[in-house]
Amino acid sequence: MSAQGATVDLLRHGDTGQHGFRGQLDDPLTEPGWRQLEAATAGVDWDVVVGSPLRRCADFARALAMARGLPLRLDPRLAEYDFGEWQGVPVDRLAESEGEALGRFWSDPEGHPPPGAEGMAAFGRRVADALDGITAAHAGQRVLVLTHGGVIRLLRCTVERRPLAAMADYAVDHASLHRLDWAAHRARMEPD
């Protein structure tokens, strides 16, 4: 564990049975989604659980924290990206009806967000603020952060100093764990 901050494991929620850009829609987990998360967390220890308040994250976060007697905090800043008018629309349907716009979004999400969507800069700020708060509040602890694919991709791009256009390069499967060294990232950003 780092003396400067928390050890952070990001965990993507399990399967919801839904497809497309789910964004901030409040989908519950399917039974297979619960089993995916149970398998992903088996044998791994944390000191605290923090999660998105959306059901696909919060329901399992509550159950895990209760079963293990861990503190739990839900943080709305960990919610998925708001896809605006594309939220809930299957990607194949978007590819047919708005293929060029979808391609522009994948190649430059900052410059070409979906209609009515959250700005990528605002998304990045809210997620970074959440991680700053988590690592400050839980210095020296092991923290499980149960969140979404877009959040994990954005954080990985940020920590690895890659452009947000690289978000699509990351495989972030349901119930996949990703260790994040947020404290080292923040230390690199501090002026000498």
N, C-alpha and C. Protein backbone atom coordinates (compact mmCIF):
# COMPACT_ATOMS: atom_id res chain seq x y z
N MET A 1 0.83 -1.19 0.00
CA MET A 1 0.00 0.00 0.00
C MET A 1 0.87 1.24 0.00
N SER A 2 0.41 2.25 -0.64
CA SER A 2 1.12 3.51 -0.71
C SER A 2 0.82 4.35 0.52
N ALA A 3 1.87 4.96 1.10
CA ALA A 3 1.65 5.86 2.23
C ALA A 3 0.98 7.14 1.75
N GLN A 4 1.11 7.44 0.45
CA GLN A 4 0.57 8.67 -0.10
C GLN A 4 -0.93 8.58 -0.37
N GLY A 5 -1.42 7.41 -0.55
CA GLY A 5 -2.82 7.29 -0.91
C GLY A 5 -3.30 5.87 -0.74
N ALA A 6 -4.50 5.65 -1.16
CA ALA A 6 -5.11 4.34 -1.07
C ALA A 6 -4.67 3.45 -2.22
N THR A 7 -4.74 2.15 -2.00
CA THR A 7 -4.63 1.19 -3.08
C THR A 7 -6.04 1.05 -3.66
N VAL A 8 -6.20 1.37 -4.94
CA VAL A 8 -7.53 1.42 -5.54
C VAL A 8 -7.67 0.33 -6.60
N ASP A 9 -8.69 -0.50 -6.40
CA ASP A 9 -9.07 -1.48 -7.40
C ASP A 9 -10.42 -1.04 -7.97
N LEU A 10 -10.44 -0.83 -9.28
CA LEU A 10 -11.68 -0.50 -9.97
C LEU A 10 -12.32 -1.79 -10.44
N LEU A 11 -13.61 -1.94 -10.20
CA LEU A 11 -14.35 -3.12 -10.62
C LEU A 11 -15.55 -2.67 -11.43
N ARG A 12 -15.61 -3.16 -12.67
CA ARG A 12 -16.78 -2.85 -13.49
C ARG A 12 -17.95 -3.72 -13.03
N HIS A 13 -19.13 -3.16 -13.05
CA HIS A 13 -20.34 -3.91 -12.69
C HIS A 13 -20.49 -5.14 -13.57
N GLY A 14 -21.34 -6.06 -13.14
CA GLY A 14 -21.64 -7.26 -13.91
C GLY A 14 -22.68 -7.01 -14.99
N ASP A 15 -23.02 -8.07 -15.67
CA ASP A 15 -23.95 -8.01 -16.81
C ASP A 15 -25.34 -7.56 -16.37
N THR A 16 -25.93 -6.71 -17.19
CA THR A 16 -27.30 -6.24 -16.94
C THR A 16 -28.29 -6.80 -17.95
N GLY A 17 -27.78 -7.50 -18.96
CA GLY A 17 -28.65 -8.01 -20.01
C GLY A 17 -29.05 -6.95 -21.02
N GLN A 18 -28.55 -5.75 -20.84
CA GLN A 18 -28.86 -4.64 -21.75
C GLN A 18 -27.68 -4.40 -22.68
N HIS A 19 -27.95 -3.76 -23.81
CA HIS A 19 -26.89 -3.48 -24.77
C HIS A 19 -26.99 -2.02 -25.19
N GLY A 20 -25.92 -1.52 -25.73
CA GLY A 20 -25.90 -0.13 -26.15
C GLY A 20 -25.31 0.75 -25.07
N PHE A 21 -25.39 2.03 -25.29
CA PHE A 21 -24.87 3.01 -24.34
C PHE A 21 -25.88 3.15 -23.20
N ARG A 22 -25.64 2.49 -22.09
CA ARG A 22 -26.58 2.51 -20.96
C ARG A 22 -26.42 3.80 -20.16
N GLY A 23 -25.21 4.31 -20.08
CA GLY A 23 -24.98 5.58 -19.42
C GLY A 23 -25.56 5.63 -18.03
N GLN A 24 -26.42 6.60 -17.79
CA GLN A 24 -26.96 6.81 -16.45
C GLN A 24 -28.35 6.19 -16.27
N LEU A 25 -28.72 5.29 -17.18
CA LEU A 25 -29.94 4.51 -16.96
C LEU A 25 -29.69 3.56 -15.79
N ASP A 26 -30.69 3.31 -14.99
CA ASP A 26 -30.50 2.60 -13.73
C ASP A 26 -30.86 1.12 -13.85
N ASP A 27 -30.10 0.39 -14.64
CA ASP A 27 -30.35 -1.02 -14.89
C ASP A 27 -29.91 -1.88 -13.70
N PRO A 28 -30.71 -2.88 -13.33
CA PRO A 28 -30.27 -3.84 -12.31
C PRO A 28 -29.38 -4.91 -12.94
N LEU A 29 -28.65 -5.61 -12.09
CA LEU A 29 -27.84 -6.74 -12.54
C LEU A 29 -28.74 -7.94 -12.85
N THR A 30 -28.29 -8.77 -13.77
CA THR A 30 -28.92 -10.06 -14.01
C THR A 30 -28.32 -11.05 -13.00
N GLU A 31 -28.92 -12.23 -12.89
CA GLU A 31 -28.32 -13.28 -12.04
C GLU A 31 -26.91 -13.62 -12.49
N PRO A 32 -26.67 -13.79 -13.82
CA PRO A 32 -25.28 -14.01 -14.23
C PRO A 32 -24.36 -12.83 -13.86
N GLY A 33 -24.89 -11.61 -13.87
CA GLY A 33 -24.10 -10.45 -13.47
C GLY A 33 -23.68 -10.53 -12.02
N TRP A 34 -24.59 -10.96 -11.15
CA TRP A 34 -24.25 -11.16 -9.73
C TRP A 34 -23.15 -12.21 -9.60
N ARG A 35 -23.29 -13.34 -10.32
CA ARG A 35 -22.29 -14.41 -10.23
C ARG A 35 -20.93 -13.93 -10.74
N GLN A 36 -20.92 -13.12 -11.81
CA GLN A 36 -19.66 -12.57 -12.31
C GLN A 36 -18.95 -11.77 -11.22
N LEU A 37 -19.69 -10.92 -10.52
CA LEU A 37 -19.11 -10.08 -9.48
C LEU A 37 -18.67 -10.91 -8.26
N GLU A 38 -19.45 -11.91 -7.90
CA GLU A 38 -19.06 -12.78 -6.80
C GLU A 38 -17.74 -13.49 -7.11
N ALA A 39 -17.60 -13.96 -8.35
CA ALA A 39 -16.35 -14.63 -8.75
C ALA A 39 -15.18 -13.65 -8.77
N ALA A 40 -15.41 -12.44 -9.24
CA ALA A 40 -14.33 -11.45 -9.34
C ALA A 40 -13.82 -11.00 -7.98
N THR A 41 -14.68 -11.01 -6.98
CA THR A 41 -14.28 -10.52 -5.66
C THR A 41 -13.88 -11.63 -4.69
N ALA A 42 -14.08 -12.89 -5.08
CA ALA A 42 -13.76 -14.01 -4.19
C ALA A 42 -12.26 -14.02 -3.90
N GLY A 43 -11.93 -14.12 -2.64
CA GLY A 43 -10.53 -14.24 -2.23
C GLY A 43 -9.72 -12.96 -2.27
N VAL A 44 -10.35 -11.84 -2.54
CA VAL A 44 -9.65 -10.55 -2.56
C VAL A 44 -10.16 -9.73 -1.38
N ASP A 45 -9.24 -9.10 -0.67
CA ASP A 45 -9.61 -8.32 0.51
C ASP A 45 -9.49 -6.83 0.26
N TRP A 46 -10.45 -6.09 0.81
CA TRP A 46 -10.42 -4.63 0.79
C TRP A 46 -10.80 -4.13 2.18
N ASP A 47 -10.52 -2.86 2.43
CA ASP A 47 -10.87 -2.25 3.71
C ASP A 47 -12.15 -1.43 3.62
N VAL A 48 -12.51 -1.01 2.43
CA VAL A 48 -13.67 -0.16 2.22
C VAL A 48 -14.19 -0.36 0.81
N VAL A 49 -15.49 -0.16 0.63
CA VAL A 49 -16.12 -0.25 -0.69
C VAL A 49 -16.74 1.11 -1.01
N VAL A 50 -16.45 1.60 -2.21
CA VAL A 50 -17.04 2.85 -2.70
C VAL A 50 -17.66 2.50 -4.05
N GLY A 51 -18.84 3.03 -4.32
CA GLY A 51 -19.48 2.67 -5.58
C GLY A 51 -20.32 3.77 -6.17
N SER A 52 -20.61 3.59 -7.43
CA SER A 52 -21.58 4.42 -8.14
C SER A 52 -22.96 4.14 -7.52
N PRO A 53 -23.82 5.15 -7.47
CA PRO A 53 -25.16 4.92 -6.92
C PRO A 53 -26.12 4.22 -7.88
N LEU A 54 -25.70 4.01 -9.13
CA LEU A 54 -26.57 3.31 -10.08
C LEU A 54 -26.69 1.84 -9.66
N ARG A 55 -27.87 1.26 -9.78
CA ARG A 55 -28.17 -0.07 -9.22
C ARG A 55 -27.19 -1.14 -9.65
N ARG A 56 -26.73 -1.12 -10.89
CA ARG A 56 -25.85 -2.18 -11.36
C ARG A 56 -24.52 -2.20 -10.61
N CYS A 57 -24.20 -1.10 -9.93
CA CYS A 57 -23.02 -1.05 -9.05
C CYS A 57 -23.44 -1.09 -7.58
N ALA A 58 -24.39 -0.26 -7.22
CA ALA A 58 -24.74 -0.07 -5.81
C ALA A 58 -25.30 -1.33 -5.16
N ASP A 59 -26.10 -2.09 -5.88
CA ASP A 59 -26.71 -3.28 -5.27
C ASP A 59 -25.64 -4.27 -4.83
N PHE A 60 -24.67 -4.54 -5.70
CA PHE A 60 -23.61 -5.48 -5.32
C PHE A 60 -22.68 -4.86 -4.28
N ALA A 61 -22.38 -3.58 -4.41
CA ALA A 61 -21.51 -2.91 -3.42
C ALA A 61 -22.11 -3.03 -2.02
N ARG A 62 -23.41 -2.80 -1.90
CA ARG A 62 -24.09 -2.93 -0.60
C ARG A 62 -23.99 -4.37 -0.07
N ALA A 63 -24.27 -5.33 -0.95
CA ALA A 63 -24.25 -6.74 -0.53
C ALA A 63 -22.85 -7.16 -0.09
N LEU A 64 -21.84 -6.76 -0.86
CA LEU A 64 -20.47 -7.14 -0.53
C LEU A 64 -20.03 -6.49 0.79
N ALA A 65 -20.31 -5.20 0.93
CA ALA A 65 -19.92 -4.50 2.16
C ALA A 65 -20.61 -5.12 3.37
N MET A 66 -21.88 -5.44 3.24
CA MET A 66 -22.61 -6.04 4.36
C MET A 66 -22.04 -7.41 4.70
N ALA A 67 -21.82 -8.24 3.68
CA ALA A 67 -21.32 -9.60 3.91
C ALA A 67 -19.94 -9.61 4.57
N ARG A 68 -19.13 -8.61 4.24
CA ARG A 68 -17.76 -8.57 4.78
C ARG A 68 -17.59 -7.59 5.95
N GLY A 69 -18.65 -6.91 6.32
CA GLY A 69 -18.56 -5.96 7.42
C GLY A 69 -17.68 -4.77 7.10
N LEU A 70 -17.74 -4.29 5.85
CA LEU A 70 -16.89 -3.18 5.41
C LEU A 70 -17.69 -1.89 5.32
N PRO A 71 -17.03 -0.76 5.53
CA PRO A 71 -17.70 0.52 5.30
C PRO A 71 -18.05 0.66 3.81
N LEU A 72 -19.16 1.33 3.56
CA LEU A 72 -19.63 1.54 2.19
C LEU A 72 -19.98 3.01 2.01
N ARG A 73 -19.57 3.54 0.87
CA ARG A 73 -19.99 4.89 0.49
C ARG A 73 -20.36 4.87 -0.98
N LEU A 74 -21.50 5.45 -1.32
CA LEU A 74 -21.90 5.62 -2.71
C LEU A 74 -21.62 7.06 -3.10
N ASP A 75 -20.99 7.23 -4.25
CA ASP A 75 -20.55 8.56 -4.69
C ASP A 75 -21.11 8.82 -6.09
N PRO A 76 -22.00 9.80 -6.23
CA PRO A 76 -22.61 10.06 -7.54
C PRO A 76 -21.60 10.47 -8.60
N ARG A 77 -20.42 10.91 -8.20
CA ARG A 77 -19.40 11.28 -9.19
C ARG A 77 -18.84 10.06 -9.92
N LEU A 78 -19.11 8.87 -9.41
CA LEU A 78 -18.65 7.63 -10.05
C LEU A 78 -19.66 7.06 -11.03
N ALA A 79 -20.77 7.77 -11.25
CA ALA A 79 -21.77 7.31 -12.22
C ALA A 79 -21.17 7.31 -13.63
N GLU A 80 -21.75 6.52 -14.48
CA GLU A 80 -21.30 6.41 -15.87
C GLU A 80 -21.49 7.74 -16.60
N TYR A 81 -20.79 7.87 -17.69
CA TYR A 81 -20.91 9.00 -18.61
C TYR A 81 -22.36 9.13 -19.07
N ASP A 82 -22.83 10.35 -19.16
CA ASP A 82 -24.19 10.62 -19.64
C ASP A 82 -24.13 10.76 -21.16
N PHE A 83 -24.66 9.76 -21.86
CA PHE A 83 -24.59 9.71 -23.33
C PHE A 83 -25.65 10.56 -24.01
N GLY A 84 -26.40 11.36 -23.27
CA GLY A 84 -27.38 12.24 -23.88
C GLY A 84 -28.41 11.47 -24.68
N GLU A 85 -28.65 11.90 -25.92
CA GLU A 85 -29.68 11.28 -26.77
C GLU A 85 -29.35 9.85 -27.18
N TRP A 86 -28.10 9.44 -27.02
CA TRP A 86 -27.71 8.07 -27.37
C TRP A 86 -27.91 7.09 -26.22
N GLN A 87 -28.23 7.59 -25.05
CA GLN A 87 -28.39 6.73 -23.89
C GLN A 87 -29.51 5.73 -24.13
N GLY A 88 -29.20 4.45 -23.95
CA GLY A 88 -30.19 3.40 -24.12
C GLY A 88 -30.37 2.92 -25.54
N VAL A 89 -29.71 3.55 -26.49
CA VAL A 89 -29.85 3.17 -27.90
C VAL A 89 -28.81 2.10 -28.24
N PRO A 90 -29.23 0.96 -28.80
CA PRO A 90 -28.26 -0.06 -29.20
C PRO A 90 -27.24 0.49 -30.20
N VAL A 91 -25.99 0.10 -30.05
CA VAL A 91 -24.91 0.62 -30.90
C VAL A 91 -25.14 0.26 -32.36
N ASP A 92 -25.67 -0.95 -32.65
CA ASP A 92 -25.90 -1.31 -34.05
C ASP A 92 -26.95 -0.41 -34.69
N ARG A 93 -27.95 0.01 -33.91
CA ARG A 93 -28.96 0.94 -34.44
C ARG A 93 -28.34 2.31 -34.67
N LEU A 94 -27.47 2.75 -33.75
CA LEU A 94 -26.77 4.03 -33.95
C LEU A 94 -25.87 3.95 -35.18
N ALA A 95 -25.21 2.81 -35.37
CA ALA A 95 -24.32 2.66 -36.52
C ALA A 95 -25.11 2.80 -37.83
N GLU A 96 -26.34 2.32 -37.85
CA GLU A 96 -27.17 2.44 -39.04
C GLU A 96 -27.68 3.86 -39.24
N SER A 97 -28.17 4.47 -38.17
CA SER A 97 -28.82 5.77 -38.30
C SER A 97 -27.87 6.96 -38.17
N GLU A 98 -26.80 6.81 -37.41
CA GLU A 98 -25.87 7.91 -37.17
C GLU A 98 -24.42 7.44 -37.22
N GLY A 99 -24.13 6.63 -38.23
CA GLY A 99 -22.81 6.01 -38.34
C GLY A 99 -21.65 6.98 -38.34
N GLU A 100 -21.78 8.07 -39.09
CA GLU A 100 -20.69 9.05 -39.16
C GLU A 100 -20.47 9.71 -37.80
N ALA A 101 -21.55 10.08 -37.14
CA ALA A 101 -21.43 10.72 -35.82
C ALA A 101 -20.84 9.75 -34.81
N LEU A 102 -21.23 8.48 -34.88
CA LEU A 102 -20.69 7.47 -33.98
C LEU A 102 -19.19 7.30 -34.21
N GLY A 103 -18.79 7.25 -35.47
CA GLY A 103 -17.37 7.14 -35.80
C GLY A 103 -16.56 8.33 -35.29
N ARG A 104 -17.12 9.53 -35.43
CA ARG A 104 -16.44 10.74 -34.91
C ARG A 104 -16.31 10.68 -33.39
N PHE A 105 -17.35 10.21 -32.72
CA PHE A 105 -17.29 10.07 -31.26
C PHE A 105 -16.20 9.09 -30.84
N TRP A 106 -16.14 7.94 -31.49
CA TRP A 106 -15.11 6.95 -31.13
C TRP A 106 -13.71 7.49 -31.36
N SER A 107 -13.53 8.24 -32.44
CA SER A 107 -12.18 8.73 -32.75
C SER A 107 -11.81 10.00 -31.99
N ASP A 108 -12.80 10.77 -31.56
CA ASP A 108 -12.53 12.02 -30.84
C ASP A 108 -13.70 12.33 -29.90
N PRO A 109 -13.77 11.61 -28.75
CA PRO A 109 -14.92 11.81 -27.85
C PRO A 109 -14.99 13.21 -27.25
N GLU A 110 -13.86 13.88 -27.15
CA GLU A 110 -13.88 15.25 -26.61
C GLU A 110 -14.47 16.22 -27.63
N GLY A 111 -14.10 16.08 -28.88
CA GLY A 111 -14.53 17.00 -29.92
C GLY A 111 -15.89 16.69 -30.50
N HIS A 112 -16.35 15.44 -30.37
CA HIS A 112 -17.60 15.02 -31.01
C HIS A 112 -18.45 14.18 -30.06
N PRO A 113 -18.92 14.75 -28.96
CA PRO A 113 -19.76 13.98 -28.04
C PRO A 113 -21.13 13.71 -28.66
N PRO A 114 -21.85 12.74 -28.13
CA PRO A 114 -23.22 12.50 -28.61
C PRO A 114 -24.10 13.73 -28.35
N PRO A 115 -25.17 13.89 -29.13
CA PRO A 115 -26.07 15.03 -28.92
C PRO A 115 -26.63 15.04 -27.49
N GLY A 116 -26.50 16.19 -26.84
CA GLY A 116 -27.03 16.34 -25.49
C GLY A 116 -26.25 15.65 -24.40
N ALA A 117 -25.07 15.13 -24.74
CA ALA A 117 -24.27 14.36 -23.78
C ALA A 117 -23.47 15.27 -22.86
N GLU A 118 -23.00 14.67 -21.80
CA GLU A 118 -22.08 15.32 -20.88
C GLU A 118 -20.78 15.62 -21.61
N GLY A 119 -20.20 16.76 -21.37
CA GLY A 119 -18.90 17.06 -21.97
C GLY A 119 -17.82 16.17 -21.37
N MET A 120 -16.89 15.72 -22.19
CA MET A 120 -15.82 14.84 -21.71
C MET A 120 -14.97 15.53 -20.64
N ALA A 121 -14.72 16.83 -20.78
CA ALA A 121 -13.92 17.53 -19.77
C ALA A 121 -14.65 17.52 -18.43
N ALA A 122 -15.96 17.73 -18.44
CA ALA A 122 -16.74 17.70 -17.20
C ALA A 122 -16.75 16.29 -16.60
N PHE A 123 -16.91 15.30 -17.45
CA PHE A 123 -16.86 13.90 -17.01
C PHE A 123 -15.51 13.61 -16.36
N GLY A 124 -14.44 14.01 -17.01
CA GLY A 124 -13.10 13.79 -16.47
C GLY A 124 -12.90 14.48 -15.13
N ARG A 125 -13.40 15.71 -15.00
CA ARG A 125 -13.25 16.44 -13.73
C ARG A 125 -14.01 15.76 -12.60
N ARG A 126 -15.25 15.34 -12.88
CA ARG A 126 -16.04 14.75 -11.78
C ARG A 126 -15.45 13.42 -11.33
N VAL A 127 -14.94 12.63 -12.27
CA VAL A 127 -14.36 11.35 -11.91
C VAL A 127 -13.02 11.55 -11.18
N ALA A 128 -12.21 12.49 -11.66
CA ALA A 128 -10.94 12.79 -10.97
C ALA A 128 -11.20 13.32 -9.56
N ASP A 129 -12.21 14.18 -9.41
CA ASP A 129 -12.56 14.68 -8.08
C ASP A 129 -12.96 13.53 -7.16
N ALA A 130 -13.70 12.57 -7.70
CA ALA A 130 -14.10 11.41 -6.89
C ALA A 130 -12.87 10.64 -6.44
N LEU A 131 -11.94 10.37 -7.35
CA LEU A 131 -10.73 9.62 -6.99
C LEU A 131 -9.86 10.38 -6.01
N ASP A 132 -9.76 11.69 -6.19
CA ASP A 132 -9.01 12.50 -5.23
C ASP A 132 -9.61 12.37 -3.83
N GLY A 133 -10.92 12.44 -3.75
CA GLY A 133 -11.60 12.32 -2.45
C GLY A 133 -11.44 10.95 -1.84
N ILE A 134 -11.55 9.91 -2.66
CA ILE A 134 -11.42 8.54 -2.18
C ILE A 134 -10.01 8.29 -1.63
N THR A 135 -9.00 8.67 -2.40
CA THR A 135 -7.63 8.40 -1.97
C THR A 135 -7.24 9.24 -0.75
N ALA A 136 -7.77 10.45 -0.64
CA ALA A 136 -7.49 11.28 0.53
C ALA A 136 -8.17 10.72 1.78
N ALA A 137 -9.40 10.29 1.63
CA ALA A 137 -10.16 9.79 2.78
C ALA A 137 -9.71 8.41 3.25
N HIS A 138 -9.08 7.66 2.36
CA HIS A 138 -8.73 6.27 2.69
C HIS A 138 -7.24 5.99 2.50
N ALA A 139 -6.40 6.96 2.83
CA ALA A 139 -4.94 6.80 2.68
C ALA A 139 -4.50 5.55 3.44
N GLY A 140 -3.67 4.76 2.76
CA GLY A 140 -3.13 3.55 3.37
C GLY A 140 -4.09 2.38 3.39
N GLN A 141 -5.29 2.54 2.84
CA GLN A 141 -6.26 1.46 2.83
C GLN A 141 -6.42 0.89 1.42
N ARG A 142 -7.00 -0.33 1.39
CA ARG A 142 -7.32 -0.99 0.12
C ARG A 142 -8.78 -0.69 -0.18
N VAL A 143 -9.03 -0.04 -1.30
CA VAL A 143 -10.38 0.43 -1.63
C VAL A 143 -10.87 -0.26 -2.90
N LEU A 144 -12.06 -0.82 -2.81
CA LEU A 144 -12.73 -1.34 -4.00
C LEU A 144 -13.68 -0.26 -4.49
N VAL A 145 -13.52 0.13 -5.75
CA VAL A 145 -14.40 1.12 -6.36
C VAL A 145 -15.22 0.41 -7.43
N LEU A 146 -16.51 0.25 -7.17
CA LEU A 146 -17.41 -0.44 -8.09
C LEU A 146 -18.05 0.61 -8.99
N THR A 147 -17.71 0.55 -10.29
CA THR A 147 -18.11 1.61 -11.20
C THR A 147 -18.40 1.06 -12.59
N HIS A 148 -18.21 1.88 -13.60
CA HIS A 148 -18.67 1.60 -14.96
C HIS A 148 -17.51 1.56 -15.95
N GLY A 149 -17.79 0.96 -17.11
CA GLY A 149 -16.77 0.83 -18.14
C GLY A 149 -16.20 2.16 -18.60
N GLY A 150 -17.04 3.16 -18.83
CA GLY A 150 -16.56 4.46 -19.27
C GLY A 150 -15.69 5.14 -18.24
N VAL A 151 -16.06 4.99 -16.96
CA VAL A 151 -15.26 5.58 -15.88
C VAL A 151 -13.89 4.93 -15.84
N ILE A 152 -13.86 3.61 -15.93
CA ILE A 152 -12.59 2.89 -15.87
C ILE A 152 -11.71 3.26 -17.07
N ARG A 153 -12.29 3.31 -18.25
CA ARG A 153 -11.52 3.67 -19.45
C ARG A 153 -10.95 5.08 -19.33
N LEU A 154 -11.78 6.01 -18.87
CA LEU A 154 -11.31 7.39 -18.71
C LEU A 154 -10.16 7.46 -17.70
N LEU A 155 -10.30 6.79 -16.56
CA LEU A 155 -9.24 6.81 -15.55
C LEU A 155 -7.97 6.16 -16.05
N ARG A 156 -8.08 5.09 -16.79
CA ARG A 156 -6.88 4.45 -17.33
C ARG A 156 -6.18 5.37 -18.33
N CYS A 157 -6.94 6.02 -19.19
CA CYS A 157 -6.33 6.99 -20.11
C CYS A 157 -5.63 8.10 -19.33
N THR A 158 -6.28 8.59 -18.30
CA THR A 158 -5.72 9.68 -17.50
C THR A 158 -4.41 9.26 -16.85
N VAL A 159 -4.41 8.13 -16.15
CA VAL A 159 -3.22 7.66 -15.44
C VAL A 159 -2.10 7.30 -16.40
N GLU A 160 -2.45 6.73 -17.54
CA GLU A 160 -1.44 6.30 -18.52
C GLU A 160 -1.08 7.41 -19.51
N ARG A 161 -1.64 8.60 -19.30
CA ARG A 161 -1.35 9.77 -20.13
C ARG A 161 -1.63 9.52 -21.61
N ARG A 162 -2.75 8.92 -21.86
CA ARG A 162 -3.18 8.66 -23.24
C ARG A 162 -4.34 9.57 -23.56
N PRO A 163 -4.53 9.91 -24.82
CA PRO A 163 -5.67 10.75 -25.19
C PRO A 163 -6.97 9.97 -24.98
N LEU A 164 -8.04 10.70 -24.75
CA LEU A 164 -9.32 10.04 -24.52
C LEU A 164 -9.81 9.27 -25.75
N ALA A 165 -9.27 9.57 -26.92
CA ALA A 165 -9.59 8.78 -28.11
C ALA A 165 -9.15 7.33 -27.94
N ALA A 166 -8.23 7.07 -26.99
CA ALA A 166 -7.75 5.70 -26.74
C ALA A 166 -8.69 4.92 -25.82
N MET A 167 -9.75 5.54 -25.33
CA MET A 167 -10.66 4.84 -24.42
C MET A 167 -11.18 3.54 -25.02
N ALA A 168 -11.47 3.56 -26.31
CA ALA A 168 -12.02 2.37 -26.96
C ALA A 168 -10.99 1.24 -27.06
N ASP A 169 -9.71 1.54 -26.84
CA ASP A 169 -8.67 0.52 -26.91
C ASP A 169 -8.66 -0.42 -25.71
N TYR A 170 -9.28 -0.01 -24.61
CA TYR A 170 -9.23 -0.80 -23.38
C TYR A 170 -10.35 -1.82 -23.33
N ALA A 171 -9.98 -3.06 -23.05
CA ALA A 171 -10.98 -4.10 -22.80
C ALA A 171 -11.39 -3.97 -21.33
N VAL A 172 -12.64 -3.65 -21.11
CA VAL A 172 -13.16 -3.52 -19.74
C VAL A 172 -14.43 -4.38 -19.67
N ASP A 173 -14.20 -5.67 -19.51
CA ASP A 173 -15.31 -6.62 -19.48
C ASP A 173 -16.14 -6.47 -18.22
N HIS A 174 -17.34 -6.99 -18.25
CA HIS A 174 -18.15 -7.02 -17.04
C HIS A 174 -17.37 -7.73 -15.94
N ALA A 175 -17.43 -7.17 -14.73
CA ALA A 175 -16.81 -7.74 -13.53
C ALA A 175 -15.29 -7.85 -13.64
N SER A 176 -14.67 -7.00 -14.45
CA SER A 176 -13.20 -7.02 -14.54
C SER A 176 -12.61 -6.04 -13.53
N LEU A 177 -11.49 -6.46 -12.91
CA LEU A 177 -10.77 -5.65 -11.92
C LEU A 177 -9.60 -4.95 -12.58
N HIS A 178 -9.37 -3.70 -12.18
CA HIS A 178 -8.28 -2.88 -12.72
C HIS A 178 -7.63 -2.12 -11.58
N ARG A 179 -6.36 -2.41 -11.28
CA ARG A 179 -5.63 -1.69 -10.24
C ARG A 179 -5.25 -0.33 -10.80
N LEU A 180 -5.44 0.71 -10.01
CA LEU A 180 -5.17 2.08 -10.44
C LEU A 180 -4.24 2.74 -9.44
N ASP A 181 -3.12 3.26 -9.92
CA ASP A 181 -2.18 3.97 -9.04
C ASP A 181 -2.45 5.47 -9.14
N TRP A 182 -3.54 5.90 -8.53
CA TRP A 182 -3.96 7.29 -8.60
C TRP A 182 -2.98 8.20 -7.88
N ALA A 183 -2.43 7.74 -6.75
CA ALA A 183 -1.49 8.57 -5.98
C ALA A 183 -0.25 8.88 -6.80
N ALA A 184 0.28 7.90 -7.52
CA ALA A 184 1.46 8.14 -8.36
C ALA A 184 1.12 9.10 -9.49
N HIS A 185 -0.06 8.95 -10.05
CA HIS A 185 -0.50 9.86 -11.11
C HIS A 185 -0.55 11.29 -10.58
N ARG A 186 -1.16 11.49 -9.43
CA ARG A 186 -1.26 12.83 -8.85
C ARG A 186 0.11 13.37 -8.48
N ALA A 187 1.01 12.52 -7.99
CA ALA A 187 2.36 12.96 -7.63
C ALA A 187 3.11 13.46 -8.86
N ARG A 188 2.89 12.83 -10.03
CA ARG A 188 3.53 13.27 -11.26
C ARG A 188 3.04 14.66 -11.68
N MET A 189 1.81 14.98 -11.26
CA MET A 189 1.22 16.26 -11.66
C MET A 189 1.60 17.40 -10.73
N GLU A 190 2.17 17.08 -9.57
CA GLU A 190 2.56 18.12 -8.60
C GLU A 190 3.76 18.90 -9.14
N PRO A 191 3.75 20.24 -8.99
CA PRO A 191 4.92 21.01 -9.42
C PRO A 191 6.09 20.74 -8.48
N ASP A 192 7.29 20.78 -9.03
CA ASP A 192 8.50 20.55 -8.21
C ASP A 192 8.78 21.71 -7.29
